[in-house]
Amino acid sequence: MEPIFQKDFEITDNCVDRYGRLKPSMILFYAQEIAGMHCTELALDYETLAKRRLFWAVTRHKVQVTRLPRIGETIHIETWPMPTTRVAYPRSMVAYDAKGNECFRSISLWVLMDLDTRNMILPGKSGISVVGTIRGTELPSPNGLIAKPLGSLVHRSVCFTDLDRNGHMNNTRYLDWVDDLLPSAFHMGNSVKEFTACYLSEAREGQELELRWDFLDQGCLQVDAYRHGEEKDDRIFSARIDYE
């Protein structure tokens, strides 16, 4: 099996914002979609893993954007697994336009979870082996984001359409929630150039999350999502987005 998996995607109306640019959440969708396609070829797809009571979950994403493609374009995406670490299965992705110019690239960290206990299974104990490739163009592995004191608050509940097949909020939906924090006037004049997203805990249907957000410096937004607990608030998700 080739270590590099390739697929073309057409940028259709449901992929773009009101200004015709690819939504940042769609980059995460493509990363998730093409990883799933590759895993099917590697016999590590959802259905196969479910028979072993396992599933893939992404814990971190880092994305660099050269430019956001627009509606009507077709992009060519390549993805490949990188060498497995002690705790995760890193995967790289890069997208090109029709002229071969790079649009964006990403690195994501994937882990295996127990379908019943929802606990993470370390690669060394999972029995799942993935051959990794290094091409020399990969982004560095994303670090975690430190919680910050953030001045703005928004409350939002997890709904049915936020969920994926694992029964928790899909990672792509967090970026849509982040986009919704800022009005159209901001998005008209500002485009995403880089972002890091960290998924720290599952969010389930009906749970209310408190989104704490603020600009840390010029063009840099941080968002931390919390779920209220009896003893302490649990941080569910964190993102840092740099705009230009």
Protein backbone atom coordinates (compact mmCIF):
# COMPACT_ATOMS: atom_id res chain seq x y z
CA MET A 1 0.00 0.00 0.00
CA GLU A 2 1.33 3.43 -0.97
CA PRO A 3 2.23 5.56 2.09
CA ILE A 4 0.78 8.66 0.38
CA PHE A 5 -2.99 8.76 -0.17
CA GLN A 6 -4.35 11.32 -2.66
CA LYS A 7 -7.83 12.65 -3.42
CA ASP A 8 -9.41 15.61 -5.24
CA PHE A 9 -12.18 17.64 -3.60
CA GLU A 10 -14.44 20.21 -5.26
CA ILE A 11 -15.16 23.34 -3.23
CA THR A 12 -18.95 23.48 -3.33
CA ASP A 13 -21.43 25.96 -1.89
CA ASN A 14 -21.77 24.17 1.46
CA CYS A 15 -17.97 24.34 1.95
CA VAL A 16 -17.61 28.13 1.93
CA ASP A 17 -18.53 31.14 4.02
CA ARG A 18 -20.69 34.03 2.83
CA TYR A 19 -17.68 35.50 1.01
CA GLY A 20 -17.04 32.34 -1.01
CA ARG A 21 -13.91 31.29 0.89
CA LEU A 22 -13.36 27.80 2.26
CA LYS A 23 -14.48 27.63 5.89
CA PRO A 24 -11.67 26.75 8.34
CA SER A 25 -13.82 23.92 9.71
CA MET A 26 -13.77 22.34 6.24
CA ILE A 27 -9.99 21.96 6.46
CA LEU A 28 -10.58 19.80 9.51
CA PHE A 29 -13.35 17.98 7.65
CA TYR A 30 -10.99 17.19 4.78
CA ALA A 31 -8.31 16.05 7.23
CA GLN A 32 -10.84 13.75 8.87
CA GLU A 33 -12.37 12.56 5.59
CA ILE A 34 -9.17 11.73 3.77
CA ALA A 35 -7.67 10.09 6.85
CA GLY A 36 -10.76 7.89 7.00
CA MET A 37 -10.40 6.98 3.31
CA HIS A 38 -6.77 6.07 3.82
CA CYS A 39 -7.62 4.04 6.93
CA THR A 40 -10.15 2.08 4.87
CA GLU A 41 -7.36 1.07 2.50
CA LEU A 42 -5.19 0.18 5.50
CA ALA A 43 -8.04 -1.92 7.02
CA LEU A 44 -8.16 0.47 9.99
CA ASP A 45 -11.54 2.06 9.25
CA TYR A 46 -14.37 2.72 11.71
CA GLU A 47 -16.20 -0.56 11.14
CA THR A 48 -13.06 -2.68 11.38
CA LEU A 49 -11.91 -1.02 14.60
CA ALA A 50 -15.41 -1.17 16.08
CA LYS A 51 -15.22 -4.97 15.94
CA ARG A 52 -12.28 -4.62 18.33
CA ARG A 53 -14.24 -2.05 20.39
CA LEU A 54 -11.88 0.76 19.35
CA PHE A 55 -12.27 4.03 17.49
CA TRP A 56 -10.04 6.84 16.25
CA ALA A 57 -10.19 10.24 17.95
CA VAL A 58 -8.21 13.34 17.06
CA THR A 59 -6.64 15.25 19.95
CA ARG A 60 -4.82 18.13 18.25
CA HIS A 61 -4.67 19.92 14.93
CA LYS A 62 -2.26 22.51 13.62
CA VAL A 63 -3.02 24.18 10.29
CA GLN A 64 -1.07 26.68 8.20
CA VAL A 65 -2.93 28.47 5.42
CA THR A 66 -1.25 29.94 2.35
CA ARG A 67 -4.63 30.92 0.94
CA LEU A 68 -8.19 29.73 1.39
CA PRO A 69 -9.49 28.29 -1.90
CA ARG A 70 -12.79 29.62 -3.20
CA ILE A 71 -16.07 28.13 -4.38
CA GLY A 72 -15.78 26.31 -7.70
CA GLU A 73 -12.13 25.34 -7.28
CA THR A 74 -10.92 21.75 -7.10
CA ILE A 75 -8.12 21.04 -4.67
CA HIS A 76 -5.77 18.07 -4.62
CA ILE A 77 -5.03 16.71 -1.14
CA GLU A 78 -2.27 14.35 -0.07
CA THR A 79 -2.08 12.67 3.33
CA TRP A 80 0.30 10.25 4.99
CA PRO A 81 0.78 8.77 8.47
CA MET A 82 3.96 9.76 10.27
CA PRO A 83 5.90 7.49 12.64
CA THR A 84 3.84 6.53 15.68
CA THR A 85 4.83 8.09 18.99
CA ARG A 86 4.42 6.59 22.43
CA VAL A 87 0.88 7.99 22.73
CA ALA A 88 -0.37 9.02 19.29
CA TYR A 89 -0.53 8.40 15.56
CA PRO A 90 0.48 11.66 13.81
CA ARG A 91 -0.81 12.34 10.29
CA SER A 92 0.21 15.02 7.82
CA MET A 93 -1.87 16.60 5.05
CA VAL A 94 -1.23 19.15 2.30
CA ALA A 95 -3.62 20.67 -0.25
CA TYR A 96 -2.82 22.17 -3.67
CA ASP A 97 -4.86 24.16 -6.17
CA ALA A 98 -5.25 23.31 -9.87
CA LYS A 99 -1.95 25.04 -10.68
CA GLY A 100 -0.05 23.04 -8.08
CA ASN A 101 0.24 25.90 -5.63
CA GLU A 102 -0.10 25.03 -1.96
CA CYS A 103 -3.31 26.19 -0.28
CA PHE A 104 -2.90 24.77 3.23
CA ARG A 105 -1.19 22.06 5.21
CA SER A 106 -1.87 20.43 8.55
CA ILE A 107 -0.66 17.95 11.11
CA SER A 108 -3.05 16.08 13.36
CA LEU A 109 -2.54 13.78 16.34
CA TRP A 110 -4.81 10.74 16.47
CA VAL A 111 -5.32 8.32 19.34
CA LEU A 112 -7.19 5.05 19.76
CA MET A 113 -10.06 5.05 22.23
CA ASP A 114 -11.94 2.20 23.86
CA LEU A 115 -15.49 2.29 22.51
CA ASP A 116 -16.98 1.18 25.85
CA THR A 117 -14.86 2.86 28.52
CA ARG A 118 -13.90 5.91 26.40
CA ASN A 119 -10.35 5.55 27.70
CA MET A 120 -7.32 6.09 25.50
CA ILE A 121 -5.37 2.99 24.48
CA LEU A 122 -1.64 3.51 24.03
CA PRO A 123 -0.23 2.35 20.67
CA GLY A 124 1.99 -0.22 22.37
CA LYS A 125 -1.06 -1.86 23.94
CA SER A 126 -3.53 -1.48 21.08
CA GLY A 127 -2.21 -4.10 18.70
CA ILE A 128 -2.60 -1.51 15.91
CA SER A 129 0.50 -0.82 13.84
CA VAL A 130 0.76 2.00 11.28
CA VAL A 131 3.83 2.41 9.09
CA GLY A 132 4.93 6.04 9.19
CA THR A 133 6.55 8.18 6.50
CA ILE A 134 8.67 11.33 6.79
CA ARG A 135 8.84 13.51 3.66
CA GLY A 136 10.67 16.41 5.31
CA THR A 137 7.87 18.94 4.75
CA GLU A 138 5.74 18.13 7.79
CA LEU A 139 4.68 20.75 10.30
CA PRO A 140 6.05 20.31 13.82
CA SER A 141 3.81 18.39 16.19
CA PRO A 142 1.30 20.79 17.79
CA ASN A 143 1.77 21.69 21.44
CA GLY A 144 -1.03 22.06 23.93
CA LEU A 145 -2.53 25.49 24.58
CA ILE A 146 -2.28 27.06 28.02
CA ALA A 147 -5.58 28.33 29.42
CA LYS A 148 -5.72 32.13 29.50
CA PRO A 149 -7.85 34.67 31.37
CA LEU A 150 -10.27 35.67 28.60
CA GLY A 151 -12.73 38.52 28.87
CA SER A 152 -15.72 37.54 26.70
CA LEU A 153 -18.23 34.76 27.45
CA VAL A 154 -20.78 32.95 25.28
CA HIS A 155 -22.88 29.95 26.29
CA ARG A 156 -23.87 27.34 23.73
CA SER A 157 -25.41 23.86 23.98
CA VAL A 158 -24.32 20.77 22.08
CA CYS A 159 -27.09 19.78 19.66
CA PHE A 160 -27.87 16.75 17.51
CA THR A 161 -26.18 18.16 14.40
CA ASP A 162 -22.96 18.75 16.36
CA LEU A 163 -22.52 15.01 16.96
CA ASP A 164 -20.58 12.38 15.04
CA ARG A 165 -20.91 8.60 14.98
CA ASN A 166 -19.00 8.28 18.23
CA GLY A 167 -21.78 10.20 19.99
CA HIS A 168 -19.71 13.25 20.90
CA MET A 169 -19.28 16.69 19.39
CA ASN A 170 -17.38 16.47 16.12
CA ASN A 171 -14.09 18.34 15.98
CA THR A 172 -15.12 20.30 12.88
CA ARG A 173 -18.04 21.89 14.71
CA TYR A 174 -15.79 23.63 17.24
CA LEU A 175 -14.26 25.74 14.47
CA ASP A 176 -17.75 26.72 13.27
CA TRP A 177 -18.54 27.78 16.84
CA VAL A 178 -15.34 29.83 16.90
CA ASP A 179 -16.23 31.50 13.59
CA ASP A 180 -19.65 32.38 14.99
CA LEU A 181 -18.07 34.41 17.79
CA LEU A 182 -17.11 37.14 15.33
CA PRO A 183 -19.43 39.06 12.98
CA SER A 184 -19.41 39.11 9.19
CA ALA A 185 -17.70 42.51 9.16
CA PHE A 186 -14.66 41.01 10.90
CA HIS A 187 -14.51 37.98 8.61
CA MET A 188 -14.84 40.18 5.52
CA GLY A 189 -11.54 41.90 6.26
CA ASN A 190 -9.67 39.12 8.03
CA SER A 191 -8.66 35.67 6.81
CA VAL A 192 -7.25 32.77 8.82
CA LYS A 193 -3.53 32.19 8.28
CA GLU A 194 -2.84 29.64 11.03
CA PHE A 195 -4.66 27.86 13.83
CA THR A 196 -4.13 25.24 16.50
CA ALA A 197 -7.01 23.27 18.01
CA CYS A 198 -6.82 20.99 21.05
CA TYR A 199 -9.60 18.56 21.97
CA LEU A 200 -9.32 17.83 25.68
CA SER A 201 -12.52 15.99 26.57
CA GLU A 202 -15.73 14.72 24.97
CA ALA A 203 -18.74 17.02 24.77
CA ARG A 204 -22.08 15.20 24.66
CA GLU A 205 -25.54 16.12 23.43
CA GLY A 206 -27.40 18.55 25.70
CA GLN A 207 -24.31 19.72 27.56
CA GLU A 208 -23.84 23.47 27.83
CA LEU A 209 -20.39 24.83 27.13
CA GLU A 210 -19.08 28.21 28.18
CA LEU A 211 -16.89 29.72 25.48
CA ARG A 212 -14.35 32.13 26.93
CA TRP A 213 -12.59 34.16 24.26
CA ASP A 214 -10.53 37.24 23.58
CA PHE A 215 -7.81 38.63 21.34
CA LEU A 216 -4.46 38.09 23.06
CA ASP A 217 -2.68 40.45 20.67
CA GLN A 218 -3.17 41.90 17.21
CA GLY A 219 -4.93 39.31 15.07
CA CYS A 220 -4.56 36.43 17.53
CA LEU A 221 -7.76 34.97 19.00
CA GLN A 222 -7.87 32.36 21.77
CA VAL A 223 -10.99 30.41 22.69
CA ASP A 224 -11.35 28.04 25.65
CA ALA A 225 -14.54 25.99 26.01
CA TYR A 226 -15.52 24.81 29.50
CA ARG A 227 -18.18 22.52 30.92
CA HIS A 228 -19.33 23.33 34.44
CA GLY A 229 -18.72 20.58 36.99
CA GLU A 230 -19.72 20.16 40.61
CA GLU A 231 -16.20 20.74 41.89
CA LYS A 232 -14.46 22.47 38.99
CA ASP A 233 -14.97 23.51 35.39
CA ASP A 234 -13.57 21.10 32.82
CA ARG A 235 -11.81 22.55 29.79
CA ILE A 236 -13.21 20.71 26.77
CA PHE A 237 -11.59 22.49 23.84
CA SER A 238 -9.05 25.20 23.16
CA ALA A 239 -8.10 27.01 19.97
CA ARG A 240 -5.70 29.74 18.90
CA ILE A 241 -6.39 31.40 15.57
CA ASP A 242 -4.08 33.87 13.83
CA TYR A 243 -5.70 36.19 11.25
CA GLU A 244 -4.22 38.42 8.60
